[in-house]
Amino acid sequence: VQLVESGGGLVQPGGSLRLSCAGSGFTFSNYAMSWHRQAPGKEREWVATITSVGSTTNYADSVKGRFTISRDNAKNTVYLQMNSLKPEDTAVYYCKRFRGTFSSWGQGTQVTVSS
């Protein structure tokens, strides 16, 4: 059972990245999914959530209008499209699956926004 994030990297301010999180070993469509991030010296913070069938999404105010969460249950993958990136978006990005009180995390992928 695992979640594996990918797609991170170095991007200039104003640029875009798409993160992916692939799940395996469990029934992906049974779980809501979320993205979180942790910047150096800061606590991990929630970024966005999508329901198990993708019908509802929610975003932190800091990313609303710039980031889009989506999922493809046929591919067992959740995505985070990040546009208009800012230096303050620099962080390790983690995906999480959850249902009720259960949750588990991926290992994270680094996103660095810098000129």
C-alpha atoms as a PDB file:
ATOM      1  CA  VAL A   1       0.000   0.000   0.000  1.00  0.00           C
ATOM      2  CA  GLN A   2       1.571   3.265  -1.016  1.00  0.00           C
ATOM      3  CA  LEU A   3       1.166   6.770  -2.347  1.00  0.00           C
ATOM      4  CA  VAL A   4       3.933   8.102  -4.592  1.00  0.00           C
ATOM      5  CA  GLU A   5       4.168  11.778  -5.493  1.00  0.00           C
ATOM      6  CA  SER A   6       5.992  13.075  -8.557  1.00  0.00           C
ATOM      7  CA  GLY A   7       6.269  16.173 -10.719  1.00  0.00           C
ATOM      8  CA  GLY A   8       8.073  18.513  -8.354  1.00  0.00           C
ATOM      9  CA  GLY A   9      11.038  20.605  -9.365  1.00  0.00           C
ATOM     10  CA  LEU A  10      12.436  24.090  -9.795  1.00  0.00           C
ATOM     11  CA  VAL A  11      10.256  26.675 -11.511  1.00  0.00           C
ATOM     12  CA  GLN A  12      10.435  30.439 -11.950  1.00  0.00           C
ATOM     13  CA  PRO A  13       7.866  32.738 -10.336  1.00  0.00           C
ATOM     14  CA  GLY A  14       4.753  32.862 -12.494  1.00  0.00           C
ATOM     15  CA  GLY A  15       5.397  29.390 -13.848  1.00  0.00           C
ATOM     16  CA  SER A  16       3.389  26.184 -13.611  1.00  0.00           C
ATOM     17  CA  LEU A  17       3.863  22.625 -12.409  1.00  0.00           C
ATOM     18  CA  ARG A  18       1.587  19.601 -12.241  1.00  0.00           C
ATOM     19  CA  LEU A  19       2.057  17.218  -9.365  1.00  0.00           C
ATOM     20  CA  SER A  20       0.842  13.631  -9.495  1.00  0.00           C
ATOM     21  CA  CYS A  21       0.168  11.166  -6.696  1.00  0.00           C
ATOM     22  CA  ALA A  22      -0.256   7.540  -7.695  1.00  0.00           C
ATOM     23  CA  GLY A  23      -1.891   5.103  -5.311  1.00  0.00           C
ATOM     24  CA  SER A  24      -1.431   1.347  -5.227  1.00  0.00           C
ATOM     25  CA  GLY A  25      -2.429  -1.564  -3.054  1.00  0.00           C
ATOM     26  CA  PHE A  26      -5.851  -0.214  -2.125  1.00  0.00           C
ATOM     27  CA  THR A  27      -9.157   0.750  -3.744  1.00  0.00           C
ATOM     28  CA  PHE A  28      -8.306   4.289  -4.776  1.00  0.00           C
ATOM     29  CA  SER A  29     -11.879   5.354  -5.526  1.00  0.00           C
ATOM     30  CA  ASN A  30     -12.944   4.633  -1.931  1.00  0.00           C
ATOM     31  CA  TYR A  31     -10.868   7.489  -0.553  1.00  0.00           C
ATOM     32  CA  ALA A  32     -10.990  11.250  -0.539  1.00  0.00           C
ATOM     33  CA  MET A  33      -7.605  12.731  -1.375  1.00  0.00           C
ATOM     34  CA  SER A  34      -5.852  15.883  -0.312  1.00  0.00           C
ATOM     35  CA  TRP A  35      -2.649  17.793  -0.933  1.00  0.00           C
ATOM     36  CA  HIS A  36      -0.637  19.402   1.839  1.00  0.00           C
ATOM     37  CA  ARG A  37       2.673  21.229   1.935  1.00  0.00           C
ATOM     38  CA  GLN A  38       5.428  21.974   4.397  1.00  0.00           C
ATOM     39  CA  ALA A  39       7.874  24.819   3.973  1.00  0.00           C
ATOM     40  CA  PRO A  40      11.208  24.870   5.823  1.00  0.00           C
ATOM     41  CA  GLY A  41      10.712  25.793   9.462  1.00  0.00           C
ATOM     42  CA  LYS A  42       6.927  25.767   9.178  1.00  0.00           C
ATOM     43  CA  GLU A  43       4.152  23.356  10.051  1.00  0.00           C
ATOM     44  CA  ARG A  44       2.530  21.235   7.385  1.00  0.00           C
ATOM     45  CA  GLU A  45      -0.514  22.989   5.948  1.00  0.00           C
ATOM     46  CA  TRP A  46      -3.514  21.822   3.985  1.00  0.00           C
ATOM     47  CA  VAL A  47      -3.708  22.909   0.328  1.00  0.00           C
ATOM     48  CA  ALA A  48      -6.685  21.200  -1.341  1.00  0.00           C
ATOM     49  CA  THR A  49      -9.119  18.292  -1.052  1.00  0.00           C
ATOM     50  CA  ILE A  50     -11.162  16.281  -3.534  1.00  0.00           C
ATOM     51  CA  THR A  51     -13.915  13.803  -2.705  1.00  0.00           C
ATOM     52  CA  SER A  52     -13.699  10.131  -3.641  1.00  0.00           C
ATOM     53  CA  VAL A  53     -15.609  10.554  -6.897  1.00  0.00           C
ATOM     54  CA  GLY A  54     -14.239  14.007  -7.639  1.00  0.00           C
ATOM     55  CA  SER A  55     -17.553  15.792  -7.288  1.00  0.00           C
ATOM     56  CA  THR A  56     -16.391  18.360  -4.742  1.00  0.00           C
ATOM     57  CA  THR A  57     -13.134  20.241  -4.264  1.00  0.00           C
ATOM     58  CA  ASN A  58     -11.950  22.701  -1.642  1.00  0.00           C
ATOM     59  CA  TYR A  59      -8.912  24.951  -1.495  1.00  0.00           C
ATOM     60  CA  ALA A  60      -6.924  26.945   0.997  1.00  0.00           C
ATOM     61  CA  ASP A  61      -7.347  30.677   0.475  1.00  0.00           C
ATOM     62  CA  SER A  62      -3.644  31.005  -0.303  1.00  0.00           C
ATOM     63  CA  VAL A  63      -3.960  28.862  -3.468  1.00  0.00           C
ATOM     64  CA  LYS A  64      -7.563  29.457  -4.526  1.00  0.00           C
ATOM     65  CA  GLY A  65      -7.761  30.502  -8.162  1.00  0.00           C
ATOM     66  CA  ARG A  66      -4.198  29.335  -8.879  1.00  0.00           C
ATOM     67  CA  PHE A  67      -4.215  25.608  -8.011  1.00  0.00           C
ATOM     68  CA  THR A  68      -6.584  22.902  -9.248  1.00  0.00           C
ATOM     69  CA  ILE A  69      -6.970  19.457  -7.711  1.00  0.00           C
ATOM     70  CA  SER A  70      -8.343  16.638  -9.864  1.00  0.00           C
ATOM     71  CA  ARG A  71      -8.326  12.862  -9.955  1.00  0.00           C
ATOM     72  CA  ASP A  72      -8.526   9.980 -12.401  1.00  0.00           C
ATOM     73  CA  ASN A  73      -9.813   6.936 -10.563  1.00  0.00           C
ATOM     74  CA  ALA A  74      -9.154   4.720 -13.584  1.00  0.00           C
ATOM     75  CA  LYS A  75      -5.457   5.586 -13.200  1.00  0.00           C
ATOM     76  CA  ASN A  76      -5.472   5.631  -9.380  1.00  0.00           C
ATOM     77  CA  THR A  77      -3.970   9.117  -9.523  1.00  0.00           C
ATOM     78  CA  VAL A  78      -4.692  12.520  -8.042  1.00  0.00           C
ATOM     79  CA  TYR A  79      -3.211  15.673  -9.526  1.00  0.00           C
ATOM     80  CA  LEU A  80      -2.424  19.189  -8.402  1.00  0.00           C
ATOM     81  CA  GLN A  81      -2.121  21.710 -11.217  1.00  0.00           C
ATOM     82  CA  MET A  82      -0.251  24.728  -9.904  1.00  0.00           C
ATOM     83  CA  ASN A  83      -0.266  27.951 -11.920  1.00  0.00           C
ATOM     84  CA  SER A  84       1.038  31.457 -11.216  1.00  0.00           C
ATOM     85  CA  LEU A  85       3.514  30.038  -8.748  1.00  0.00           C
ATOM     86  CA  LYS A  86       5.030  32.322  -6.127  1.00  0.00           C
ATOM     87  CA  PRO A  87       8.206  31.970  -4.070  1.00  0.00           C
ATOM     88  CA  GLU A  88       6.027  31.382  -1.017  1.00  0.00           C
ATOM     89  CA  ASP A  89       4.691  28.216  -2.652  1.00  0.00           C
ATOM     90  CA  THR A  90       8.119  26.643  -2.131  1.00  0.00           C
ATOM     91  CA  ALA A  91       7.629  23.541   0.014  1.00  0.00           C
ATOM     92  CA  VAL A  92       7.566  19.777   0.079  1.00  0.00           C
ATOM     93  CA  TYR A  93       4.161  18.724  -1.224  1.00  0.00           C
ATOM     94  CA  TYR A  94       2.456  15.627   0.175  1.00  0.00           C
ATOM     95  CA  CYS A  95      -0.664  13.770  -0.848  1.00  0.00           C
ATOM     96  CA  LYS A  96      -2.904  12.034   1.645  1.00  0.00           C
ATOM     97  CA  ARG A  97      -5.728   9.532   1.366  1.00  0.00           C
ATOM     98  CA  PHE A  98      -8.392   9.521   4.032  1.00  0.00           C
ATOM     99  CA  ARG A  99     -11.728   7.984   4.967  1.00  0.00           C
ATOM    100  CA  GLY A 100     -13.297   8.538   8.339  1.00  0.00           C
ATOM    101  CA  THR A 101     -10.525   8.593  10.925  1.00  0.00           C
ATOM    102  CA  PHE A 102      -8.053   6.692   8.729  1.00  0.00           C
ATOM    103  CA  SER A 103      -5.379   8.468   6.744  1.00  0.00           C
ATOM    104  CA  SER A 104      -2.015   7.767   5.184  1.00  0.00           C
ATOM    105  CA  TRP A 105       0.617   9.917   3.495  1.00  0.00           C
ATOM    106  CA  GLY A 106       2.977   9.825   0.566  1.00  0.00           C
ATOM    107  CA  GLN A 107       6.662  10.602   0.893  1.00  0.00           C
ATOM    108  CA  GLY A 108       6.473  14.071  -0.643  1.00  0.00           C
ATOM    109  CA  THR A 109       7.922  15.920  -3.629  1.00  0.00           C
ATOM    110  CA  GLN A 110       9.919  19.153  -3.496  1.00  0.00           C
ATOM    111  CA  VAL A 111       8.647  22.266  -5.255  1.00  0.00           C
ATOM    112  CA  THR A 112      10.975  25.249  -5.429  1.00  0.00           C
ATOM    113  CA  VAL A 113       9.839  28.558  -6.901  1.00  0.00           C
ATOM    114  CA  SER A 114      12.821  30.814  -7.537  1.00  0.00           C
ATOM    115  CA  SER A 115      14.385  32.966 -10.216  1.00  0.00           C
END
